[in-house]
Structures are given as structure tokens and as C-alpha cells.
């Protein structure tokens, strides 16, 4: 799957990150973060959960905002081009 620099691409990326975090949370990987306090746990799973959590908090919201902004700018530019474009010539 190719992710492009477009509003849809940003939203797809945000949904993938958010969905991956939701699955990790549903699987109970949050419990594995106890390795941070020195309690025995699966370090890899705890670190994975931590990275997914940070991604869902720090990356997903800006991606959604960027997608909305990008879509709004594209729409404004498209409308501006439609207004400035000369009418099509008709031939009799």
C-alpha cells in the first residue's frame, strides 16, 4: 500500500497508528510497561506499547489536523481556479 502526501494519506496513516495502538491496548500490552519500574515483564512488548502510545498521542492528532488543513486548502485553491478559468468556447 502506497501512502501519499494527501489528506487521505494523512488520515490513513493516522488511522493505522491509532488502530495499532487500540489493538495493543486491547491485548493488554499496557501491563508490560511495568518493566519501567523494575518489575519483571516482557521488555519488548512494554517498549512496543510505549512507542505506540507516544505515536498515538504525539503523531496522530497533528496528522488529522494536517489532513483537514490540507483538504481545506485544496478546496479553496480548486474553487479559486474554477472562478479564474475562462469559460469554455463553444463552436457553432
PDB file of N, CA and C in Angstrom:
ATOM      1  N   UNK A   1       0.846  -1.174   0.000  1.00  0.00           N
ATOM      2  CA  UNK A   1       0.000   0.000   0.000  1.00  0.00           C
ATOM      3  C   UNK A   1       0.888   1.233   0.000  1.00  0.00           C
ATOM      4  N   UNK A   2       0.614   2.148  -0.901  1.00  0.00           N
ATOM      5  CA  UNK A   2       1.394   3.370  -1.010  1.00  0.00           C
ATOM      6  C   UNK A   2       0.660   4.492  -0.285  1.00  0.00           C
ATOM      7  N   UNK A   3       1.357   5.116   0.642  1.00  0.00           N
ATOM      8  CA  UNK A   3       0.780   6.237   1.369  1.00  0.00           C
ATOM      9  C   UNK A   3       1.334   7.512   0.745  1.00  0.00           C
ATOM     10  N   UNK A   4       0.444   8.378   0.313  1.00  0.00           N
ATOM     11  CA  UNK A   4       0.848   9.578  -0.392  1.00  0.00           C
ATOM     12  C   UNK A   4       0.690  10.808   0.488  1.00  0.00           C
ATOM     13  N   UNK A   5       1.278  11.902   0.028  1.00  0.00           N
ATOM     14  CA  UNK A   5       1.103  13.175   0.715  1.00  0.00           C
ATOM     15  C   UNK A   5      -0.193  13.803   0.241  1.00  0.00           C
ATOM     16  N   UNK A   6      -1.262  13.389   0.855  1.00  0.00           N
ATOM     17  CA  UNK A   6      -2.584  13.899   0.537  1.00  0.00           C
ATOM     18  C   UNK A   6      -3.411  13.826   1.818  1.00  0.00           C
ATOM     19  N   UNK A   7      -4.546  14.508   1.846  1.00  0.00           N
ATOM     20  CA  UNK A   7      -5.382  14.404   3.040  1.00  0.00           C
ATOM     21  C   UNK A   7      -5.763  12.952   3.351  1.00  0.00           C
ATOM     22  N   UNK A   8      -6.075  12.189   2.318  1.00  0.00           N
ATOM     23  CA  UNK A   8      -6.433  10.791   2.529  1.00  0.00           C
ATOM     24  C   UNK A   8      -5.245  10.003   3.080  1.00  0.00           C
ATOM     25  N   UNK A   9      -4.046  10.250   2.557  1.00  0.00           N
ATOM     26  CA  UNK A   9      -2.851   9.574   3.031  1.00  0.00           C
ATOM     27  C   UNK A   9      -2.578   9.879   4.497  1.00  0.00           C
ATOM     28  N   UNK A  10      -2.754  11.151   4.883  1.00  0.00           N
ATOM     29  CA  UNK A  10      -2.556  11.518   6.281  1.00  0.00           C
ATOM     30  C   UNK A  10      -3.573  10.812   7.180  1.00  0.00           C
ATOM     31  N   UNK A  11      -4.835  10.776   6.740  1.00  0.00           N
ATOM     32  CA  UNK A  11      -5.867  10.129   7.561  1.00  0.00           C
ATOM     33  C   UNK A  11      -5.652   8.619   7.649  1.00  0.00           C
ATOM     34  N   UNK A  12      -5.233   8.002   6.553  1.00  0.00           N
ATOM     35  CA  UNK A  12      -4.958   6.560   6.574  1.00  0.00           C
ATOM     36  C   UNK A  12      -3.825   6.258   7.547  1.00  0.00           C
ATOM     37  N   UNK A  13      -2.778   7.065   7.518  1.00  0.00           N
ATOM     38  CA  UNK A  13      -1.661   6.868   8.435  1.00  0.00           C
ATOM     39  C   UNK A  13      -2.107   7.043   9.876  1.00  0.00           C
ATOM     40  N   UNK A  14      -2.903   8.072  10.143  1.00  0.00           N
ATOM     41  CA  UNK A  14      -3.406   8.298  11.498  1.00  0.00           C
ATOM     42  C   UNK A  14      -4.274   7.132  11.960  1.00  0.00           C
ATOM     43  N   UNK A  15      -5.117   6.621  11.066  1.00  0.00           N
ATOM     44  CA  UNK A  15      -5.979   5.502  11.439  1.00  0.00           C
ATOM     45  C   UNK A  15      -5.169   4.231  11.685  1.00  0.00           C
ATOM     46  N   UNK A  16      -4.135   3.996  10.884  1.00  0.00           N
ATOM     47  CA  UNK A  16      -3.292   2.820  11.094  1.00  0.00           C
ATOM     48  C   UNK A  16      -2.572   2.889  12.442  1.00  0.00           C
ATOM     49  N   UNK A  17      -2.010   4.054  12.750  1.00  0.00           N
ATOM     50  CA  UNK A  17      -1.333   4.196  14.040  1.00  0.00           C
ATOM     51  C   UNK A  17      -2.311   4.058  15.201  1.00  0.00           C
ATOM     52  N   UNK A  18      -3.457   4.727  15.093  1.00  0.00           N
ATOM     53  CA  UNK A  18      -4.463   4.635  16.150  1.00  0.00           C
ATOM     54  C   UNK A  18      -5.020   3.233  16.306  1.00  0.00           C
ATOM     55  N   UNK A  19      -5.259   2.566  15.194  1.00  0.00           N
ATOM     56  CA  UNK A  19      -5.772   1.195  15.242  1.00  0.00           C
ATOM     57  C   UNK A  19      -4.766   0.224  15.826  1.00  0.00           C
ATOM     58  N   UNK A  20      -3.495   0.402  15.469  1.00  0.00           N
ATOM     59  CA  UNK A  20      -2.453  -0.462  16.016  1.00  0.00           C
ATOM     60  C   UNK A  20      -2.345  -0.274  17.522  1.00  0.00           C
ATOM     61  N   UNK A  21      -2.417   0.978  17.978  1.00  0.00           N
ATOM     62  CA  UNK A  21      -2.390   1.224  19.421  1.00  0.00           C
ATOM     63  C   UNK A  21      -3.608   0.614  20.104  1.00  0.00           C
ATOM     64  N   UNK A  22      -4.781   0.749  19.488  1.00  0.00           N
ATOM     65  CA  UNK A  22      -6.001   0.185  20.088  1.00  0.00           C
ATOM     66  C   UNK A  22      -5.899  -1.330  20.218  1.00  0.00           C
ATOM     67  N   UNK A  23      -5.326  -1.991  19.218  1.00  0.00           N
ATOM     68  CA  UNK A  23      -5.151  -3.443  19.277  1.00  0.00           C
ATOM     69  C   UNK A  23      -4.167  -3.807  20.380  1.00  0.00           C
ATOM     70  N   UNK A  24      -3.050  -3.081  20.455  1.00  0.00           N
ATOM     71  CA  UNK A  24      -2.064  -3.353  21.504  1.00  0.00           C
ATOM     72  C   UNK A  24      -2.676  -3.153  22.884  1.00  0.00           C
ATOM     73  N   UNK A  25      -3.493  -2.127  23.038  1.00  0.00           N
ATOM     74  CA  UNK A  25      -4.149  -1.869  24.329  1.00  0.00           C
ATOM     75  C   UNK A  25      -5.157  -2.978  24.649  1.00  0.00           C
ATOM     76  N   UNK A  26      -5.914  -3.399  23.632  1.00  0.00           N
ATOM     77  CA  UNK A  26      -6.906  -4.462  23.845  1.00  0.00           C
ATOM     78  C   UNK A  26      -6.234  -5.787  24.209  1.00  0.00           C
ATOM     79  N   UNK A  27      -5.028  -6.005  23.702  1.00  0.00           N
ATOM     80  CA  UNK A  27      -4.296  -7.236  24.024  1.00  0.00           C
ATOM     81  C   UNK A  27      -3.650  -7.185  25.400  1.00  0.00           C
ATOM     82  N   UNK A  28      -3.732  -6.058  26.082  1.00  0.00           N
ATOM     83  CA  UNK A  28      -3.209  -5.948  27.433  1.00  0.00           C
ATOM     84  C   UNK A  28      -1.718  -5.652  27.512  1.00  0.00           C
ATOM     85  N   UNK A  29      -1.150  -5.088  26.464  1.00  0.00           N
ATOM     86  CA  UNK A  29       0.277  -4.797  26.487  1.00  0.00           C
ATOM     87  C   UNK A  29       0.628  -3.683  27.465  1.00  0.00           C
ATOM     88  N   UNK A  30      -0.365  -2.952  27.917  1.00  0.00           N
ATOM     89  CA  UNK A  30      -0.095  -1.893  28.893  1.00  0.00           C
ATOM     90  C   UNK A  30       0.525  -2.465  30.162  1.00  0.00           C
ATOM     91  N   UNK A  31       0.119  -3.649  30.517  1.00  0.00           N
ATOM     92  CA  UNK A  31       0.660  -4.290  31.722  1.00  0.00           C
ATOM     93  C   UNK A  31       2.158  -4.542  31.615  1.00  0.00           C
ATOM     94  N   UNK A  32       2.651  -4.670  30.396  1.00  0.00           N
ATOM     95  CA  UNK A  32       4.070  -4.964  30.200  1.00  0.00           C
ATOM     96  C   UNK A  32       4.957  -3.739  30.389  1.00  0.00           C
ATOM     97  N   UNK A  33       4.365  -2.569  30.536  1.00  0.00           N
ATOM     98  CA  UNK A  33       5.173  -1.377  30.776  1.00  0.00           C
ATOM     99  C   UNK A  33       5.695  -1.326  32.202  1.00  0.00           C
ATOM    100  N   UNK A  34       5.343  -2.292  33.006  1.00  0.00           N
ATOM    101  CA  UNK A  34       5.823  -2.323  34.387  1.00  0.00           C
ATOM    102  C   UNK A  34       7.334  -2.522  34.463  1.00  0.00           C
ATOM    103  N   UNK A  35       7.966  -2.902  33.352  1.00  0.00           N
ATOM    104  CA  UNK A  35       9.427  -3.039  33.356  1.00  0.00           C
ATOM    105  C   UNK A  35      10.099  -1.696  33.653  1.00  0.00           C
ATOM    106  N   UNK A  36       9.378  -0.596  33.427  1.00  0.00           N
ATOM    107  CA  UNK A  36       9.937   0.729  33.686  1.00  0.00           C
ATOM    108  C   UNK A  36      10.224   0.945  35.174  1.00  0.00           C
ATOM    109  N   UNK A  37       9.481   0.258  36.030  1.00  0.00           N
ATOM    110  CA  UNK A  37       9.706   0.394  37.474  1.00  0.00           C
ATOM    111  C   UNK A  37      10.570  -0.731  38.026  1.00  0.00           C
ATOM    112  N   UNK A  38      11.074  -1.599  37.152  1.00  0.00           N
ATOM    113  CA  UNK A  38      11.951  -2.680  37.602  1.00  0.00           C
ATOM    114  C   UNK A  38      11.232  -3.977  37.907  1.00  0.00           C
ATOM    115  N   UNK A  39       9.928  -4.013  37.679  1.00  0.00           N
ATOM    116  CA  UNK A  39       9.159  -5.236  37.893  1.00  0.00           C
ATOM    117  C   UNK A  39       9.359  -6.143  36.688  1.00  0.00           C
ATOM    118  N   UNK A  40       9.492  -7.443  36.914  1.00  0.00           N
ATOM    119  CA  UNK A  40       9.692  -8.346  35.768  1.00  0.00           C
ATOM    120  C   UNK A  40       8.524  -8.261  34.762  1.00  0.00           C
ATOM    121  N   UNK A  41       8.886  -8.141  33.506  1.00  0.00           N
ATOM    122  CA  UNK A  41       7.904  -8.058  32.430  1.00  0.00           C
ATOM    123  C   UNK A  41       8.618  -8.285  31.110  1.00  0.00           C
ATOM    124  N   UNK A  42       7.831  -8.410  30.048  1.00  0.00           N
ATOM    125  CA  UNK A  42       8.388  -8.521  28.708  1.00  0.00           C
ATOM    126  C   UNK A  42       8.801  -7.132  28.257  1.00  0.00           C
ATOM    127  N   UNK A  43      10.083  -6.885  28.199  1.00  0.00           N
ATOM    128  CA  UNK A  43      10.592  -5.552  27.869  1.00  0.00           C
ATOM    129  C   UNK A  43      10.196  -5.155  26.454  1.00  0.00           C
ATOM    130  N   UNK A  44      10.307  -6.064  25.496  1.00  0.00           N
ATOM    131  CA  UNK A  44       9.981  -5.723  24.113  1.00  0.00           C
ATOM    132  C   UNK A  44       8.526  -5.296  23.987  1.00  0.00           C
ATOM    133  N   UNK A  45       7.613  -6.052  24.606  1.00  0.00           N
ATOM    134  CA  UNK A  45       6.189  -5.716  24.495  1.00  0.00           C
ATOM    135  C   UNK A  45       5.878  -4.410  25.209  1.00  0.00           C
ATOM    136  N   UNK A  46       6.522  -4.171  26.342  1.00  0.00           N
ATOM    137  CA  UNK A  46       6.316  -2.920  27.065  1.00  0.00           C
ATOM    138  C   UNK A  46       6.833  -1.730  26.273  1.00  0.00           C
ATOM    139  N   UNK A  47       8.013  -1.889  25.658  1.00  0.00           N
ATOM    140  CA  UNK A  47       8.573  -0.809  24.847  1.00  0.00           C
ATOM    141  C   UNK A  47       7.714  -0.570  23.605  1.00  0.00           C
ATOM    142  N   UNK A  48       7.212  -1.646  22.998  1.00  0.00           N
ATOM    143  CA  UNK A  48       6.334  -1.511  21.838  1.00  0.00           C
ATOM    144  C   UNK A  48       5.078  -0.729  22.202  1.00  0.00           C
ATOM    145  N   UNK A  49       4.489  -1.062  23.343  1.00  0.00           N
ATOM    146  CA  UNK A  49       3.300  -0.344  23.794  1.00  0.00           C
ATOM    147  C   UNK A  49       3.631   1.128  24.036  1.00  0.00           C
ATOM    148  N   UNK A  50       4.778   1.388  24.644  1.00  0.00           N
ATOM    149  CA  UNK A  50       5.171   2.769  24.906  1.00  0.00           C
ATOM    150  C   UNK A  50       5.347   3.565  23.625  1.00  0.00           C
ATOM    151  N   UNK A  51       5.972   2.972  22.632  1.00  0.00           N
ATOM    152  CA  UNK A  51       6.163   3.655  21.349  1.00  0.00           C
ATOM    153  C   UNK A  51       4.811   3.898  20.671  1.00  0.00           C
ATOM    154  N   UNK A  52       3.933   2.908  20.695  1.00  0.00           N
ATOM    155  CA  UNK A  52       2.608   3.082  20.081  1.00  0.00           C
ATOM    156  C   UNK A  52       1.789   4.138  20.812  1.00  0.00           C
ATOM    157  N   UNK A  53       1.916   4.164  22.138  1.00  0.00           N
ATOM    158  CA  UNK A  53       1.202   5.176  22.926  1.00  0.00           C
ATOM    159  C   UNK A  53       1.697   6.581  22.558  1.00  0.00           C
ATOM    160  N   UNK A  54       3.011   6.744  22.531  1.00  0.00           N
ATOM    161  CA  UNK A  54       3.559   8.056  22.175  1.00  0.00           C
ATOM    162  C   UNK A  54       3.163   8.462  20.759  1.00  0.00           C
ATOM    163  N   UNK A  55       3.154   7.494  19.842  1.00  0.00           N
ATOM    164  CA  UNK A  55       2.737   7.797  18.473  1.00  0.00           C
ATOM    165  C   UNK A  55       1.283   8.241  18.432  1.00  0.00           C
ATOM    166  N   UNK A  56       0.429   7.578  19.208  1.00  0.00           N
ATOM    167  CA  UNK A  56      -0.989   7.932  19.183  1.00  0.00           C
ATOM    168  C   UNK A  56      -1.251   9.276  19.855  1.00  0.00           C
ATOM    169  N   UNK A  57      -0.379   9.689  20.755  1.00  0.00           N
ATOM    170  CA  UNK A  57      -0.564  10.970  21.433  1.00  0.00           C
ATOM    171  C   UNK A  57       0.136  12.104  20.692  1.00  0.00           C
ATOM    172  N   UNK A  58       1.318  11.836  20.142  1.00  0.00           N
ATOM    173  CA  UNK A  58       2.122  12.902  19.554  1.00  0.00           C
ATOM    174  C   UNK A  58       2.028  13.001  18.034  1.00  0.00           C
ATOM    175  N   UNK A  59       1.678  11.927  17.341  1.00  0.00           N
ATOM    176  CA  UNK A  59       1.695  11.945  15.875  1.00  0.00           C
ATOM    177  C   UNK A  59       0.286  11.953  15.275  1.00  0.00           C
ATOM    178  N   UNK A  60      -0.625  11.187  15.840  1.00  0.00           N
ATOM    179  CA  UNK A  60      -1.966  11.078  15.251  1.00  0.00           C
ATOM    180  C   UNK A  60      -2.713  12.417  15.233  1.00  0.00           C
ATOM    181  N   UNK A  61      -2.777  13.179  16.331  1.00  0.00           N
ATOM    182  CA  UNK A  61      -3.516  14.453  16.263  1.00  0.00           C
ATOM    183  C   UNK A  61      -2.972  15.429  15.214  1.00  0.00           C
ATOM    184  N   UNK A  62      -1.641  15.634  15.121  1.00  0.00           N
ATOM    185  CA  UNK A  62      -1.162  16.522  14.054  1.00  0.00           C
ATOM    186  C   UNK A  62      -1.470  16.002  12.647  1.00  0.00           C
ATOM    187  N   UNK A  63      -1.476  14.679  12.466  1.00  0.00           N
ATOM    188  CA  UNK A  63      -1.822  14.133  11.153  1.00  0.00           C
ATOM    189  C   UNK A  63      -3.268  14.459  10.786  1.00  0.00           C
ATOM    190  N   UNK A  64      -4.167  14.355  11.749  1.00  0.00           N
ATOM    191  CA  UNK A  64      -5.579  14.658  11.489  1.00  0.00           C
ATOM    192  C   UNK A  64      -5.744  16.150  11.197  1.00  0.00           C
ATOM    193  N   UNK A  65      -5.079  16.991  11.991  1.00  0.00           N
ATOM    194  CA  UNK A  65      -5.156  18.435  11.753  1.00  0.00           C
ATOM    195  C   UNK A  65      -4.568  18.772  10.381  1.00  0.00           C
ATOM    196  N   UNK A  66      -3.458  18.152  10.033  1.00  0.00           N
ATOM    197  CA  UNK A  66      -2.834  18.400   8.728  1.00  0.00           C
ATOM    198  C   UNK A  66      -3.755  17.959   7.599  1.00  0.00           C
ATOM    199  N   UNK A  67      -4.422  16.828   7.763  1.00  0.00           N
ATOM    200  CA  UNK A  67      -5.335  16.350   6.727  1.00  0.00           C
ATOM    201  C   UNK A  67      -6.485  17.327   6.522  1.00  0.00           C
ATOM    202  N   UNK A  68      -7.054  17.818   7.617  1.00  0.00           N
ATOM    203  CA  UNK A  68      -8.154  18.777   7.499  1.00  0.00           C
ATOM    204  C   UNK A  68      -7.681  20.083   6.868  1.00  0.00           C
ATOM    205  N   UNK A  69      -6.517  20.565   7.284  1.00  0.00           N
ATOM    206  CA  UNK A  69      -5.977  21.805   6.715  1.00  0.00           C
ATOM    207  C   UNK A  69      -5.659  21.630   5.228  1.00  0.00           C
ATOM    208  N   UNK A  70      -5.029  20.519   4.905  1.00  0.00           N
ATOM    209  CA  UNK A  70      -4.655  20.228   3.522  1.00  0.00           C
ATOM    210  C   UNK A  70      -5.899  20.167   2.640  1.00  0.00           C
ATOM    211  N   UNK A  71      -6.942  19.489   3.115  1.00  0.00           N
ATOM    212  CA  UNK A  71      -8.180  19.376   2.343  1.00  0.00           C
ATOM    213  C   UNK A  71      -8.833  20.744   2.157  1.00  0.00           C
ATOM    214  N   UNK A  72      -8.811  21.565   3.202  1.00  0.00           N
ATOM    215  CA  UNK A  72      -9.411  22.893   3.099  1.00  0.00           C
ATOM    216  C   UNK A  72      -8.642  23.757   2.104  1.00  0.00           C
ATOM    217  N   UNK A  73      -7.313  23.701   2.155  1.00  0.00           N
ATOM    218  CA  UNK A  73      -6.503  24.489   1.219  1.00  0.00           C
ATOM    219  C   UNK A  73      -6.719  24.016  -0.210  1.00  0.00           C
ATOM    220  N   UNK A  74      -6.754  22.697  -0.426  1.00  0.00           N
ATOM    221  CA  UNK A  74      -7.006  22.176  -1.770  1.00  0.00           C
ATOM    222  C   UNK A  74      -8.358  22.647  -2.295  1.00  0.00           C
ATOM    223  N   UNK A  75      -9.353  22.635  -1.442  1.00  0.00           N
ATOM    224  CA  UNK A  75     -10.697  23.053  -1.864  1.00  0.00           C
ATOM    225  C   UNK A  75     -10.719  24.535  -2.226  1.00  0.00           C
ATOM    226  N   UNK A  76     -10.072  25.357  -1.414  1.00  0.00           N
ATOM    227  CA  UNK A  76     -10.022  26.795  -1.704  1.00  0.00           C
ATOM    228  C   UNK A  76      -9.309  27.045  -3.025  1.00  0.00           C
ATOM    229  N   UNK A  77      -8.179  26.377  -3.233  1.00  0.00           N
ATOM    230  CA  UNK A  77      -7.434  26.566  -4.478  1.00  0.00           C
ATOM    231  C   UNK A  77      -8.217  26.072  -5.686  1.00  0.00           C
ATOM    232  N   UNK A  78      -8.914  24.955  -5.531  1.00  0.00           N
ATOM    233  CA  UNK A  78      -9.724  24.421  -6.634  1.00  0.00           C
ATOM    234  C   UNK A  78     -10.850  25.393  -6.985  1.00  0.00           C
ATOM    235  N   UNK A  79     -11.511  25.975  -5.984  1.00  0.00           N
ATOM    236  CA  UNK A  79     -12.579  26.937  -6.235  1.00  0.00           C
ATOM    237  C   UNK A  79     -12.034  28.209  -6.879  1.00  0.00           C
ATOM    238  N   UNK A  80     -10.853  28.626  -6.434  1.00  0.00           N
ATOM    239  CA  UNK A  80     -10.237  29.831  -6.998  1.00  0.00           C
ATOM    240  C   UNK A  80      -9.875  29.613  -8.463  1.00  0.00           C
ATOM    241  N   UNK A  81      -9.375  28.439  -8.798  1.00  0.00           N
ATOM    242  CA  UNK A  81      -9.055  28.122 -10.189  1.00  0.00           C
ATOM    243  C   UNK A  81     -10.310  28.077 -11.048  1.00  0.00           C
ATOM    244  N   UNK A  82     -11.400  27.558 -10.498  1.00  0.00           N
ATOM    245  CA  UNK A  82     -12.654  27.477 -11.256  1.00  0.00           C
ATOM    246  C   UNK A  82     -13.198  28.870 -11.554  1.00  0.00           C
ATOM    247  N   UNK A  83     -13.024  29.783 -10.620  1.00  0.00           N
ATOM    248  CA  UNK A  83     -13.522  31.149 -10.818  1.00  0.00           C
ATOM    249  C   UNK A  83     -12.651  31.884 -11.822  1.00  0.00           C
ATOM    250  N   UNK A  84     -11.338  31.669 -11.793  1.00  0.00           N
ATOM    251  CA  UNK A  84     -10.425  32.396 -12.663  1.00  0.00           C
ATOM    252  C   UNK A  84     -10.327  31.799 -14.064  1.00  0.00           C
ATOM    253  N   UNK A  85     -10.741  30.581 -14.250  1.00  0.00           N
ATOM    254  CA  UNK A  85     -10.635  29.933 -15.551  1.00  0.00           C
ATOM    255  C   UNK A  85     -11.612  30.582 -16.530  1.00  0.00           C
ATOM    256  N   UNK A  86     -11.168  30.824 -17.763  1.00  0.00           N
ATOM    257  CA  UNK A  86     -12.069  31.404 -18.762  1.00  0.00           C
ATOM    258  C   UNK A  86     -13.142  30.376 -19.131  1.00  0.00           C
ATOM    259  N   UNK A  87     -14.313  30.848 -19.499  1.00  0.00           N
ATOM    260  CA  UNK A  87     -15.364  29.915 -19.885  1.00  0.00           C
ATOM    261  C   UNK A  87     -14.973  29.166 -21.149  1.00  0.00           C
ATOM    262  N   UNK A  88     -15.403  27.947 -21.296  1.00  0.00           N
ATOM    263  CA  UNK A  88     -15.049  27.175 -22.498  1.00  0.00           C
ATOM    264  C   UNK A  88     -15.730  27.783 -23.738  1.00  0.00           C
ATOM    265  N   UNK A  89     -14.976  27.779 -24.820  1.00  0.00           N
ATOM    266  CA  UNK A  89     -15.514  28.330 -26.071  1.00  0.00           C
ATOM    267  C   UNK A  89     -16.428  27.302 -26.726  1.00  0.00           C
ATOM    268  N   UNK A  90     -17.535  27.777 -27.225  1.00  0.00           N
ATOM    269  CA  UNK A  90     -18.458  26.885 -27.925  1.00  0.00           C
ATOM    270  C   UNK A  90     -18.365  27.182 -29.406  1.00  0.00           C
ATOM    271  N   UNK A  91     -18.366  26.157 -30.193  1.00  0.00           N
ATOM    272  CA  UNK A  91     -18.335  26.318 -31.652  1.00  0.00           C
ATOM    273  C   UNK A  91     -19.713  26.057 -32.214  1.00  0.00           C
ATOM    274  N   UNK A  92     -20.144  26.917 -33.135  1.00  0.00           N
ATOM    275  CA  UNK A  92     -21.490  26.717 -33.709  1.00  0.00           C
ATOM    276  C   UNK A  92     -21.547  25.586 -34.689  1.00  0.00           C
TER     277      UNK A  92
END
